[in-house]
Amino acid sequence: MNTRILTTLAVGGLLAATAACGAQSLDGGDSDAAASAPAVTLDQAPAEEKAADVINAITPDGDLAAKAPASLKSGGLKVVSSIGYPPMELFASDGKTPIGFDPALARAIARKLGVTVTITDEEFNSQIPGVLTGRYDFVISSMTDNPERQGQVTFVDYVQAGAGMLVKTGNPAGITGPKDLCGKTVSVVDNGSSMELAESYDADCKKDGKPAMDILKFPGDTEAMLQVGNGRAQATITDYVVAAYKSADPKLAMEAITLEGTAAPWGIGMKPDNAQLIDSVKGALDSLIKSGEYGKLLKAWNLDALAVESAVVNGGK
């Protein structure tokens, strides 16, 4: 069950629930009006969230909260992610509550803006369409910020991460880098950055006169990883943080390999014409970075190496 704490946000205009109806903001020193304004409840993080204490201690930034879109104040922040990509996104033990760094940051942004948040699990290929149709306010799902996706959404970049591979323990296929993938079967998430990387490696194999790769595409990372475990693929390409997390589980009997030169920004994707929301999310992330709360969220999930120094819009090249 989602527990909430009650926080009264005494900020000019923030608590004016009638603002969407054209009423004036409460910044004129009217203490009676301020006292009668409705309170705002802020979601508490799930108990199994490693950064729960950090999230629950975050209080709204008055200026940012006052400037947040009216739809967020009335209906909360609606977030979409693809759960099943630990440590970035995973389910708690109840099998339905999202935890991990991406949900943690979404909750932190919501609290910084003084609004509630709902996080919905969707298949990767459905996320951007869901944002563009207005079903969700933003997507945060380990999504690489690149020029192609910038043609659909505007990103606020929140981490910098590279790619990696998972192979069976002992690396029986002798894979140490991209050139070793020629003639091998490789599994990837369909329509993700790992697929693009695999296709570029395959093109290099063909250009060098080497055997082509057999690329197996799946809806999610878990399905792609299983192909290595069952021997159908010799490697799976994924984000290195995920590969490192998986390789730490002895039951999976896999090891992680870094793919050099692949670091790129991951972004929070929003509709390009929703300038107010983009500014609010960028401002909230910058505020979290400056306060040190962002760094604590990363540290809770052992992801310190992914930190960015500021929130950048469409930094992917």
Protein backbone atom coordinates (compact mmCIF):
# COMPACT_ATOMS: atom_id res chain seq x y z
CA MET A 1 0.00 0.00 0.00
CA ASN A 2 1.30 3.43 -0.86
CA THR A 3 1.80 5.48 2.31
CA ARG A 4 1.73 9.24 2.13
CA ILE A 5 2.78 12.03 4.42
CA LEU A 6 0.91 15.30 4.60
CA THR A 7 2.92 18.37 3.68
CA THR A 8 1.48 21.86 3.62
CA LEU A 9 3.24 23.90 0.96
CA ALA A 10 3.11 27.51 2.05
CA VAL A 11 4.29 28.92 -1.26
CA GLY A 12 2.64 31.73 -3.16
CA GLY A 13 0.30 30.32 -5.76
CA LEU A 14 1.26 26.69 -5.16
CA LEU A 15 -1.72 25.80 -3.02
CA ALA A 16 -4.23 27.69 -5.13
CA ALA A 17 -6.20 24.75 -6.42
CA THR A 18 -8.44 27.24 -8.21
CA ALA A 19 -5.55 28.50 -10.31
CA ALA A 20 -6.65 26.32 -13.21
CA CYS A 21 -10.01 28.07 -13.02
CA GLY A 22 -8.50 31.52 -13.33
CA ALA A 23 -8.40 32.44 -9.62
CA GLN A 24 -5.62 34.68 -8.33
CA SER A 25 -2.58 33.20 -6.58
CA LEU A 26 -2.17 33.44 -2.83
CA ASP A 27 0.96 35.58 -2.81
CA GLY A 28 -0.64 38.82 -1.68
CA GLY A 29 -0.18 38.25 2.03
CA ASP A 30 -3.75 36.96 2.58
CA SER A 31 -3.13 34.70 5.56
CA ASP A 32 -6.79 33.62 5.77
CA ALA A 33 -6.76 32.46 2.15
CA ALA A 34 -3.47 30.66 2.66
CA ALA A 35 -4.76 28.94 5.75
CA SER A 36 -7.86 27.68 3.93
CA ALA A 37 -5.95 26.40 0.88
CA PRO A 38 -5.98 22.63 0.45
CA ALA A 39 -2.96 20.67 1.59
CA VAL A 40 -0.80 18.61 -0.74
CA THR A 41 0.09 15.03 0.11
CA LEU A 42 3.49 13.72 -0.96
CA ASP A 43 4.10 10.05 -1.66
CA GLN A 44 6.52 8.14 0.51
CA ALA A 45 8.97 5.80 -1.16
CA PRO A 46 8.38 2.02 -0.86
CA ALA A 47 10.13 0.39 2.09
CA GLU A 48 12.26 -1.80 -0.21
CA GLU A 49 13.57 1.19 -2.15
CA LYS A 50 17.26 1.49 -1.22
CA ALA A 51 17.05 5.28 -1.41
CA ALA A 52 13.79 5.51 0.58
CA ASP A 53 15.26 7.59 3.41
CA VAL A 54 16.77 10.05 0.93
CA ILE A 55 13.53 10.39 -1.03
CA ASN A 56 11.30 10.79 2.01
CA ALA A 57 13.51 13.60 3.35
CA ILE A 58 13.14 15.67 0.15
CA THR A 59 10.93 18.73 0.57
CA PRO A 60 9.41 20.81 -2.23
CA ASP A 61 11.32 23.68 -3.80
CA GLY A 62 8.85 26.54 -3.45
CA ASP A 63 9.78 28.37 -6.63
CA LEU A 64 9.79 25.21 -8.75
CA ALA A 65 6.54 23.97 -7.25
CA ALA A 66 4.80 27.27 -7.98
CA LYS A 67 5.84 27.08 -11.65
CA ALA A 68 4.95 23.42 -12.19
CA PRO A 69 2.20 22.68 -14.76
CA ALA A 70 -1.33 22.82 -13.37
CA SER A 71 -1.95 19.26 -14.61
CA LEU A 72 0.74 17.98 -12.24
CA LYS A 73 -0.81 19.77 -9.28
CA SER A 74 -4.27 18.39 -9.99
CA GLY A 75 -3.50 14.92 -11.31
CA GLY A 76 0.05 14.21 -10.18
CA LEU A 77 3.10 13.34 -12.24
CA LYS A 78 2.42 10.39 -14.57
CA VAL A 79 5.60 8.45 -15.33
CA VAL A 80 6.23 5.45 -17.57
CA SER A 81 9.14 3.01 -17.33
CA SER A 82 9.98 -0.54 -18.34
CA ILE A 83 10.42 -2.45 -15.10
CA GLY A 84 12.86 -5.34 -15.16
CA TYR A 85 16.20 -3.63 -15.80
CA PRO A 86 17.98 -3.68 -12.42
CA PRO A 87 19.47 -1.72 -10.84
CA MET A 88 17.77 1.01 -12.87
CA GLU A 89 14.23 -0.41 -12.68
CA LEU A 90 12.92 -3.49 -10.88
CA PHE A 91 9.92 -4.66 -8.89
CA ALA A 92 9.87 -4.95 -5.11
CA SER A 93 9.11 -8.35 -3.59
CA ASP A 94 5.36 -7.82 -4.08
CA GLY A 95 5.94 -8.06 -7.84
CA LYS A 96 4.18 -4.79 -8.60
CA THR A 97 5.87 -1.86 -6.85
CA PRO A 98 8.59 -0.19 -8.97
CA ILE A 99 11.92 0.48 -7.26
CA GLY A 100 15.44 1.13 -8.54
CA PHE A 101 17.27 4.30 -9.52
CA ASP A 102 14.84 5.47 -12.21
CA PRO A 103 11.73 5.19 -10.00
CA ALA A 104 13.74 6.74 -7.15
CA LEU A 105 14.62 9.77 -9.27
CA ALA A 106 11.03 10.09 -10.53
CA ARG A 107 9.79 10.15 -6.94
CA ALA A 108 12.48 12.65 -5.97
CA ILE A 109 11.52 14.97 -8.84
CA ALA A 110 7.85 14.73 -7.86
CA ARG A 111 8.62 15.66 -4.26
CA LYS A 112 10.83 18.53 -5.37
CA LEU A 113 7.89 19.84 -7.44
CA GLY A 114 5.44 19.24 -4.60
CA VAL A 115 3.25 16.75 -6.47
CA THR A 116 2.27 13.08 -6.26
CA VAL A 117 3.56 10.52 -8.74
CA THR A 118 2.34 7.38 -10.47
CA ILE A 119 4.83 5.03 -12.15
CA THR A 120 3.46 2.65 -14.80
CA ASP A 121 5.24 -0.33 -16.33
CA GLU A 122 5.09 -0.43 -20.13
CA GLU A 123 6.94 -2.36 -22.84
CA PHE A 124 9.86 -0.28 -24.15
CA ASN A 125 8.43 0.41 -27.61
CA SER A 126 5.18 1.76 -26.13
CA GLN A 127 6.79 4.39 -23.92
CA ILE A 128 7.46 7.26 -26.33
CA PRO A 129 4.02 6.86 -28.00
CA GLY A 130 2.48 6.99 -24.53
CA VAL A 131 4.23 10.29 -23.83
CA LEU A 132 3.31 11.77 -27.21
CA THR A 133 -0.37 10.93 -26.78
CA GLY A 134 -0.42 12.54 -23.33
CA ARG A 135 -1.00 9.33 -21.39
CA TYR A 136 2.25 9.96 -19.52
CA ASP A 137 4.12 13.15 -18.61
CA PHE A 138 7.55 11.63 -19.08
CA VAL A 139 9.44 8.42 -19.68
CA ILE A 140 12.43 7.49 -17.52
CA SER A 141 13.61 4.04 -18.57
CA SER A 142 17.38 3.89 -19.11
CA MET A 143 16.68 5.49 -22.49
CA THR A 144 19.68 6.73 -24.46
CA ASP A 145 19.37 10.34 -25.59
CA ASN A 146 20.23 10.31 -29.30
CA PRO A 147 19.35 12.48 -32.34
CA GLU A 148 16.83 9.96 -33.66
CA ARG A 149 14.79 9.99 -30.46
CA GLN A 150 15.18 13.76 -30.18
CA GLY A 151 13.02 13.89 -33.30
CA GLN A 152 10.15 12.61 -31.15
CA VAL A 153 10.79 13.77 -27.58
CA THR A 154 12.86 16.32 -25.70
CA PHE A 155 15.26 14.87 -23.14
CA VAL A 156 16.56 16.11 -19.83
CA ASP A 157 19.70 14.02 -19.35
CA TYR A 158 20.10 12.53 -15.87
CA VAL A 159 23.04 10.05 -16.08
CA GLN A 160 25.96 9.17 -18.35
CA ALA A 161 26.33 5.45 -19.01
CA GLY A 162 28.05 3.04 -21.36
CA ALA A 163 27.30 -0.39 -22.77
CA GLY A 164 28.51 -3.83 -21.86
CA MET A 165 28.01 -7.51 -22.58
CA LEU A 166 27.06 -10.56 -20.59
CA VAL A 167 28.62 -13.92 -21.43
CA LYS A 168 28.65 -17.24 -19.62
CA THR A 169 31.05 -17.53 -16.70
CA GLY A 170 34.45 -18.52 -18.00
CA ASN A 171 33.67 -16.86 -21.34
CA PRO A 172 33.72 -20.12 -23.36
CA ALA A 173 33.20 -18.24 -26.65
CA GLY A 174 36.28 -16.08 -25.98
CA ILE A 175 34.49 -12.76 -26.46
CA THR A 176 36.50 -9.76 -25.30
CA GLY A 177 35.21 -7.02 -27.61
CA PRO A 178 33.07 -6.21 -30.67
CA LYS A 179 35.37 -7.95 -33.17
CA ASP A 180 34.84 -11.25 -31.38
CA LEU A 181 31.10 -11.08 -32.09
CA CYS A 182 31.48 -11.75 -35.83
CA GLY A 183 29.82 -15.07 -36.63
CA LYS A 184 28.27 -15.23 -33.14
CA THR A 185 24.64 -15.09 -32.02
CA VAL A 186 23.89 -12.01 -29.93
CA SER A 187 20.64 -11.15 -28.12
CA VAL A 188 19.40 -7.59 -27.61
CA VAL A 189 16.35 -5.55 -26.61
CA ASP A 190 14.39 -4.70 -29.74
CA ASN A 191 14.52 -1.03 -30.79
CA GLY A 192 16.90 -0.05 -28.01
CA SER A 193 20.42 1.35 -28.03
CA SER A 194 21.83 -2.19 -27.61
CA MET A 195 20.18 -3.19 -30.89
CA GLU A 196 21.69 -0.17 -32.64
CA LEU A 197 25.10 -1.07 -31.23
CA ALA A 198 24.76 -4.69 -32.31
CA GLU A 199 23.79 -3.62 -35.82
CA SER A 200 26.82 -1.31 -36.04
CA TYR A 201 29.12 -4.16 -34.95
CA ASP A 202 27.48 -6.44 -37.50
CA ALA A 203 28.10 -3.85 -40.23
CA ASP A 204 31.79 -3.72 -39.22
CA CYS A 205 32.01 -7.52 -39.44
CA LYS A 206 30.64 -7.48 -42.98
CA LYS A 207 32.87 -4.55 -43.99
CA ASP A 208 35.93 -6.47 -42.77
CA GLY A 209 34.89 -9.58 -44.69
CA LYS A 210 34.08 -11.54 -41.55
CA PRO A 211 30.99 -13.67 -40.85
CA ALA A 212 27.84 -11.71 -40.01
CA MET A 213 26.31 -11.70 -36.55
CA ASP A 214 22.97 -13.37 -35.86
CA ILE A 215 21.05 -10.75 -33.87
CA LEU A 216 18.11 -12.01 -31.80
CA LYS A 217 15.65 -9.27 -30.75
CA PHE A 218 13.38 -9.40 -27.69
CA PRO A 219 10.89 -7.04 -26.00
CA GLY A 220 12.83 -6.85 -22.73
CA ASP A 221 16.26 -7.28 -21.21
CA THR A 222 15.31 -10.35 -19.18
CA GLU A 223 14.30 -12.29 -22.29
CA ALA A 224 17.50 -11.25 -24.07
CA MET A 225 19.65 -12.31 -21.12
CA LEU A 226 17.97 -15.71 -20.89
CA GLN A 227 19.26 -16.57 -24.36
CA VAL A 228 22.82 -16.58 -23.01
CA GLY A 229 21.83 -18.76 -20.09
CA ASN A 230 20.13 -21.35 -22.30
CA GLY A 231 22.97 -21.35 -24.84
CA ARG A 232 20.99 -19.92 -27.75
CA ALA A 233 23.21 -16.79 -27.80
CA GLN A 234 26.89 -16.43 -26.95
CA ALA A 235 26.47 -12.87 -25.66
CA THR A 236 23.87 -10.23 -24.91
CA ILE A 237 24.54 -6.52 -25.30
CA THR A 238 23.06 -4.31 -22.61
CA ASP A 239 24.00 -1.34 -20.45
CA TYR A 240 27.14 -2.01 -18.44
CA VAL A 241 25.51 -1.09 -15.11
CA VAL A 242 22.91 -3.78 -15.75
CA ALA A 243 25.54 -6.30 -16.86
CA ALA A 244 27.57 -5.64 -13.71
CA TYR A 245 24.47 -6.02 -11.53
CA LYS A 246 23.51 -9.32 -13.18
CA SER A 247 27.03 -10.73 -13.05
CA ALA A 248 27.09 -10.22 -9.27
CA ASP A 249 24.39 -12.89 -8.92
CA PRO A 250 26.20 -16.27 -8.79
CA LYS A 251 22.99 -18.10 -9.70
CA LEU A 252 23.07 -16.57 -13.19
CA ALA A 253 26.63 -17.81 -13.87
CA MET A 254 27.50 -14.87 -16.11
CA GLU A 255 30.26 -12.31 -16.32
CA ALA A 256 30.27 -8.71 -17.55
CA ILE A 257 32.47 -7.19 -20.24
CA THR A 258 32.77 -3.45 -20.86
CA LEU A 259 32.37 -2.00 -24.34
CA GLU A 260 34.82 0.88 -24.55
CA GLY A 261 33.83 4.19 -26.12
CA THR A 262 30.10 3.68 -25.70
CA ALA A 263 29.29 6.17 -22.92
CA ALA A 264 26.27 8.32 -23.73
CA PRO A 265 23.64 10.31 -21.81
CA TRP A 266 20.37 8.75 -20.74
CA GLY A 267 17.42 11.10 -20.71
CA ILE A 268 13.98 11.75 -19.28
CA GLY A 269 11.78 12.09 -22.39
CA MET A 270 8.90 14.57 -22.72
CA LYS A 271 6.72 16.07 -25.45
CA PRO A 272 8.77 18.80 -27.15
CA ASP A 273 5.92 21.32 -26.99
CA ASN A 274 5.48 20.90 -23.23
CA ALA A 275 8.01 23.61 -22.38
CA GLN A 276 6.63 24.20 -18.88
CA LEU A 277 7.07 20.54 -17.92
CA ILE A 278 10.54 20.37 -19.47
CA ASP A 279 11.62 23.44 -17.50
CA SER A 280 10.12 22.01 -14.31
CA VAL A 281 11.89 18.65 -14.65
CA LYS A 282 15.20 20.31 -15.56
CA GLY A 283 14.87 22.66 -12.60
CA ALA A 284 14.01 19.82 -10.22
CA LEU A 285 16.99 17.74 -11.35
CA ASP A 286 19.36 20.70 -11.04
CA SER A 287 18.00 21.37 -7.57
CA LEU A 288 18.55 17.74 -6.56
CA ILE A 289 22.10 17.85 -7.94
CA LYS A 290 23.00 21.07 -6.13
CA SER A 291 21.50 19.88 -2.83
CA GLY A 292 23.47 16.63 -2.94
CA GLU A 293 20.27 14.56 -2.89
CA TYR A 294 20.90 13.31 -6.44
CA GLY A 295 24.31 12.00 -5.42
CA LYS A 296 22.75 10.19 -2.46
CA LEU A 297 20.20 8.53 -4.74
CA LEU A 298 23.01 7.26 -6.97
CA LYS A 299 25.05 6.07 -4.00
CA ALA A 300 22.12 4.10 -2.60
CA TRP A 301 22.11 2.01 -5.78
CA ASN A 302 25.93 1.94 -6.12
CA LEU A 303 25.77 4.02 -9.30
CA ASP A 304 28.04 6.91 -8.36
CA ALA A 305 30.00 6.56 -11.60
CA LEU A 306 26.94 7.58 -13.65
CA ALA A 307 26.65 11.07 -12.12
CA VAL A 308 26.21 14.20 -14.24
CA GLU A 309 27.15 17.69 -13.03
CA SER A 310 24.03 19.43 -14.29
CA ALA A 311 20.76 18.77 -16.09
CA VAL A 312 21.33 19.12 -19.83
CA VAL A 313 18.59 19.26 -22.46
CA ASN A 314 19.12 17.00 -25.50
CA GLY A 315 22.80 16.41 -24.82
CA GLY A 316 22.97 13.25 -26.92
CA LYS A 317 24.96 13.61 -30.15
